[in-house]
Protein backbone atom coordinates (compact mmCIF):
# COMPACT_ATOMS: atom_id res chain seq x y z
CA UNK A 1 10.46 13.80 59.30
CA UNK A 2 10.13 10.44 57.52
CA UNK A 3 13.35 9.14 56.00
CA UNK A 4 13.68 6.55 53.24
CA UNK A 5 16.60 4.97 51.40
CA UNK A 6 15.86 3.08 48.18
CA UNK A 7 18.30 0.69 46.52
CA UNK A 8 18.62 -2.92 45.43
CA UNK A 9 18.62 -5.83 47.85
CA UNK A 10 22.41 -5.91 47.96
CA UNK A 11 25.31 -3.98 49.39
CA UNK A 12 26.70 -1.97 46.47
CA UNK A 13 26.93 1.77 46.92
CA UNK A 14 24.10 1.93 49.47
CA UNK A 15 25.53 -0.25 52.24
CA UNK A 16 27.87 2.37 53.74
CA UNK A 17 24.91 4.76 53.81
CA UNK A 18 22.87 2.13 55.67
CA UNK A 19 25.78 1.66 58.10
CA UNK A 20 25.95 5.40 58.75
CA UNK A 21 22.22 5.72 59.29
CA UNK A 22 22.27 2.84 61.77
CA UNK A 23 25.38 4.22 63.47
CA UNK A 24 23.65 7.56 63.94
CA UNK A 25 20.54 5.92 65.33
CA UNK A 26 18.48 7.28 62.45
CA UNK A 27 15.10 5.67 61.86
CA UNK A 28 14.53 5.15 58.15
CA UNK A 29 12.61 3.00 55.70
CA UNK A 30 15.07 0.64 54.03
CA UNK A 31 13.46 0.00 50.63
CA UNK A 32 15.07 -2.79 48.62
CA UNK A 33 14.30 -3.89 45.07
CA UNK A 34 15.06 -7.29 43.59
CA UNK A 35 17.80 -6.70 41.01
CA UNK A 36 16.60 -9.64 38.91
CA UNK A 37 13.28 -7.85 38.37
CA UNK A 38 14.87 -4.52 37.46
CA UNK A 39 14.00 -2.26 35.77
CA UNK A 40 10.60 -1.69 37.31
CA UNK A 41 9.26 0.95 34.95
CA UNK A 42 7.15 2.85 37.47
CA UNK A 43 10.07 3.12 39.90
CA UNK A 44 12.79 3.87 37.37
CA UNK A 45 10.76 6.64 35.78
CA UNK A 46 10.25 8.28 39.17
CA UNK A 47 14.00 8.53 39.85
CA UNK A 48 15.77 11.80 38.95
CA UNK A 49 18.20 10.07 36.56
CA UNK A 50 16.77 6.55 36.59
CA UNK A 51 19.35 5.32 39.11
CA UNK A 52 19.60 4.41 42.77
CA UNK A 53 20.31 4.90 45.61
CA UNK A 54 17.74 7.57 46.35
CA UNK A 55 17.43 9.15 49.79
CA UNK A 56 14.26 10.95 50.84
CA UNK A 57 13.40 13.14 53.80
CA UNK A 58 9.83 14.26 53.87
CA UNK A 59 9.07 15.85 50.50
CA UNK A 60 12.68 16.29 49.39
CA UNK A 61 15.06 13.80 47.81
CA UNK A 62 18.74 13.36 47.07
CA UNK A 63 20.44 11.11 44.55
CA UNK A 64 24.09 10.06 44.00
CA UNK A 65 25.53 7.83 46.71
CA UNK A 66 28.45 10.05 47.73
CA UNK A 67 26.23 13.12 48.01
CA UNK A 68 23.83 11.12 50.19
CA UNK A 69 26.66 9.75 52.34
CA UNK A 70 28.15 13.20 52.85
CA UNK A 71 24.78 14.61 53.86
CA UNK A 72 24.14 11.76 56.31
CA UNK A 73 27.63 12.38 57.70
CA UNK A 74 26.65 15.97 58.47
CA UNK A 75 23.71 14.68 60.48
CA UNK A 76 25.56 11.98 62.41
CA UNK A 77 28.80 13.60 63.56
CA UNK A 78 30.88 12.08 60.76
CA UNK A 79 31.73 15.29 58.89
CA UNK A 80 34.34 17.71 60.27
CA UNK A 81 33.54 21.43 60.36
CA UNK A 82 36.84 22.49 58.78
CA UNK A 83 36.55 22.85 54.96
CA UNK A 84 40.08 21.54 54.34
CA UNK A 85 39.41 18.41 56.40
CA UNK A 86 36.14 17.97 54.51
CA UNK A 87 38.02 18.15 51.21
CA UNK A 88 40.51 15.50 52.38
CA UNK A 89 37.60 13.14 53.09
CA UNK A 90 35.99 13.97 49.74
CA UNK A 91 39.24 13.06 48.01
CA UNK A 92 39.47 9.77 49.91
CA UNK A 93 35.89 8.80 49.06
CA UNK A 94 36.33 9.66 45.38
CA UNK A 95 39.56 7.66 45.22
CA UNK A 96 37.82 4.67 46.79
CA UNK A 97 35.23 4.87 44.01
CA UNK A 98 38.09 5.10 41.51
CA UNK A 99 39.50 1.86 42.89
CA UNK A 100 36.20 0.06 42.43
CA UNK A 101 35.19 1.42 39.03
CA UNK A 102 38.68 0.96 37.58
CA UNK A 103 38.60 -2.69 38.66
CA UNK A 104 35.98 -3.06 35.87
CA UNK A 105 33.42 -4.97 37.93
CA UNK A 106 30.82 -5.18 35.16
CA UNK A 107 33.33 -6.73 32.77
CA UNK A 108 34.18 -9.38 35.33
CA UNK A 109 30.58 -10.10 36.25
CA UNK A 110 29.45 -10.57 32.64
CA UNK A 111 32.50 -12.44 31.34
CA UNK A 112 31.75 -16.04 30.28
CA UNK A 113 35.30 -17.13 29.50
CA UNK A 114 36.79 -18.52 32.72
CA UNK A 115 40.36 -17.96 31.56
CA UNK A 116 39.60 -14.28 31.05
CA UNK A 117 37.96 -14.08 34.48
CA UNK A 118 41.06 -15.69 35.98
CA UNK A 119 43.30 -13.16 34.22
CA UNK A 120 41.09 -10.32 35.42
CA UNK A 121 41.31 -11.55 39.01
CA UNK A 122 45.09 -12.04 38.76
CA UNK A 123 45.55 -8.44 37.59
CA UNK A 124 43.23 -7.23 40.34
CA UNK A 125 45.07 -8.96 43.16
CA UNK A 126 48.63 -8.57 41.90
CA UNK A 127 48.53 -5.02 40.52
CA UNK A 128 45.30 -3.10 41.03
CA UNK A 129 44.72 -3.78 44.73
CA UNK A 130 48.36 -3.30 45.77
CA UNK A 131 48.53 0.04 43.95
CA UNK A 132 45.50 1.49 45.71
CA UNK A 133 45.55 -0.34 49.02
CA UNK A 134 49.19 0.36 49.81
CA UNK A 135 48.32 4.04 49.53
CA UNK A 136 45.11 3.74 51.55
CA UNK A 137 47.08 1.86 54.21
CA UNK A 138 49.72 4.61 54.34
CA UNK A 139 47.11 7.35 54.67
CA UNK A 140 45.25 5.52 57.44
CA UNK A 141 48.45 4.81 59.37
CA UNK A 142 49.36 8.49 59.25
CA UNK A 143 45.96 9.52 60.62
CA UNK A 144 45.28 7.37 63.65
CA UNK A 145 43.73 4.57 61.61
CA UNK A 146 41.23 6.80 59.80
CA UNK A 147 41.18 9.02 56.75
CA UNK A 148 40.69 12.11 58.87
CA UNK A 149 42.34 11.34 62.26
CA UNK A 150 39.00 10.18 63.73
CA UNK A 151 36.00 8.21 62.51
CA UNK A 152 34.38 9.85 59.49
CA UNK A 153 32.09 9.10 56.58
CA UNK A 154 35.04 8.26 54.29
CA UNK A 155 35.90 5.35 56.60
CA UNK A 156 32.40 3.96 56.07
CA UNK A 157 32.87 4.30 52.30
CA UNK A 158 36.06 2.25 52.56
CA UNK A 159 34.22 -0.56 54.33
CA UNK A 160 31.43 -0.52 51.76
CA UNK A 161 33.82 -0.65 48.82
CA UNK A 162 35.88 -3.45 50.37
CA UNK A 163 32.76 -5.49 51.06
CA UNK A 164 31.26 -5.13 47.60
CA UNK A 165 34.63 -5.93 45.97
CA UNK A 166 35.05 -9.00 48.15
CA UNK A 167 31.56 -10.20 47.30
CA UNK A 168 31.98 -9.69 43.57
CA UNK A 169 35.50 -11.12 43.25
CA UNK A 170 35.07 -13.76 45.96
CA UNK A 171 38.26 -12.69 47.70
CA UNK A 172 39.55 -10.53 50.56
CA UNK A 173 41.11 -7.42 49.07
CA UNK A 174 42.00 -6.08 52.54
CA UNK A 175 44.19 -9.06 53.42
CA UNK A 176 47.75 -8.00 54.16
CA UNK A 177 46.80 -4.41 55.04
CA UNK A 178 46.44 -4.45 58.85
CA UNK A 179 45.29 -0.85 59.30
CA UNK A 180 42.54 -1.36 56.75
CA UNK A 181 41.57 -4.64 58.40
CA UNK A 182 41.41 -2.90 61.78
CA UNK A 183 39.17 -0.14 60.41
CA UNK A 184 36.79 -2.71 58.93
CA UNK A 185 36.57 -4.41 62.31
CA UNK A 186 36.04 -1.10 64.11
CA UNK A 187 33.09 -0.10 61.93
CA UNK A 188 31.50 -3.55 61.83
CA UNK A 189 31.45 -3.66 65.63
CA UNK A 190 30.06 -0.18 66.22
CA UNK A 191 26.83 -0.02 68.24
CA UNK A 192 23.78 -0.39 65.96
CA UNK A 193 25.98 -1.33 63.00
CA UNK A 194 26.90 -4.63 64.61
CA UNK A 195 23.25 -5.43 65.28
CA UNK A 196 22.24 -4.49 61.74
CA UNK A 197 24.90 -6.76 60.23
CA UNK A 198 23.85 -9.65 62.46
CA UNK A 199 20.20 -9.29 61.42
CA UNK A 200 20.55 -8.75 57.66
CA UNK A 201 20.33 -11.55 55.11
CA UNK A 202 23.48 -12.64 53.24
CA UNK A 203 24.24 -10.81 50.00
CA UNK A 204 25.19 -12.46 46.71
CA UNK A 205 25.98 -11.63 43.10
CA UNK A 206 24.32 -13.46 40.26
CA UNK A 207 27.32 -15.20 38.72
CA UNK A 208 27.63 -16.66 35.24
């Protein structure tokens, strides 16, 4: 069955899905659109809610990045069978998204006043990151370096969120959190993931 993942030519919310697909040895068409040319009317109108990523298998499709990631996890050995353990991973993934969305990335990206950008970054690194990452670090330490005692889809979401935050804010949000740093290294060096990372082109944000 043909598989296709559509998103922009960047990391964003699709990169952990790409990592998982590569990790699982899944063959898929990696469709990437140039963000500077978006919206492309014909594409946008074909999307269920006008947004990406979109994952397709044969004649069926799935939108919403976390729903896609969770489904891919079920196909690649990254989703536990126990419902309670599944819920723990759901909570971790949703909290990771909370961290990113509450950092107000769009405000930072579109701000023209450098002093306001500096203040935004100061708050991020001195308050926002420590609040969330100290708790992520504690949870990982208590579970053998993962959110669910062994490698799971939520761990891939962590890596994706860290990478997109680092790219946007031009920093290293994981610095000072050794268990998080170790998990990033583990996933980036997984078979197939490592090769994908080495072959891909560098990502960037259009900065003002």
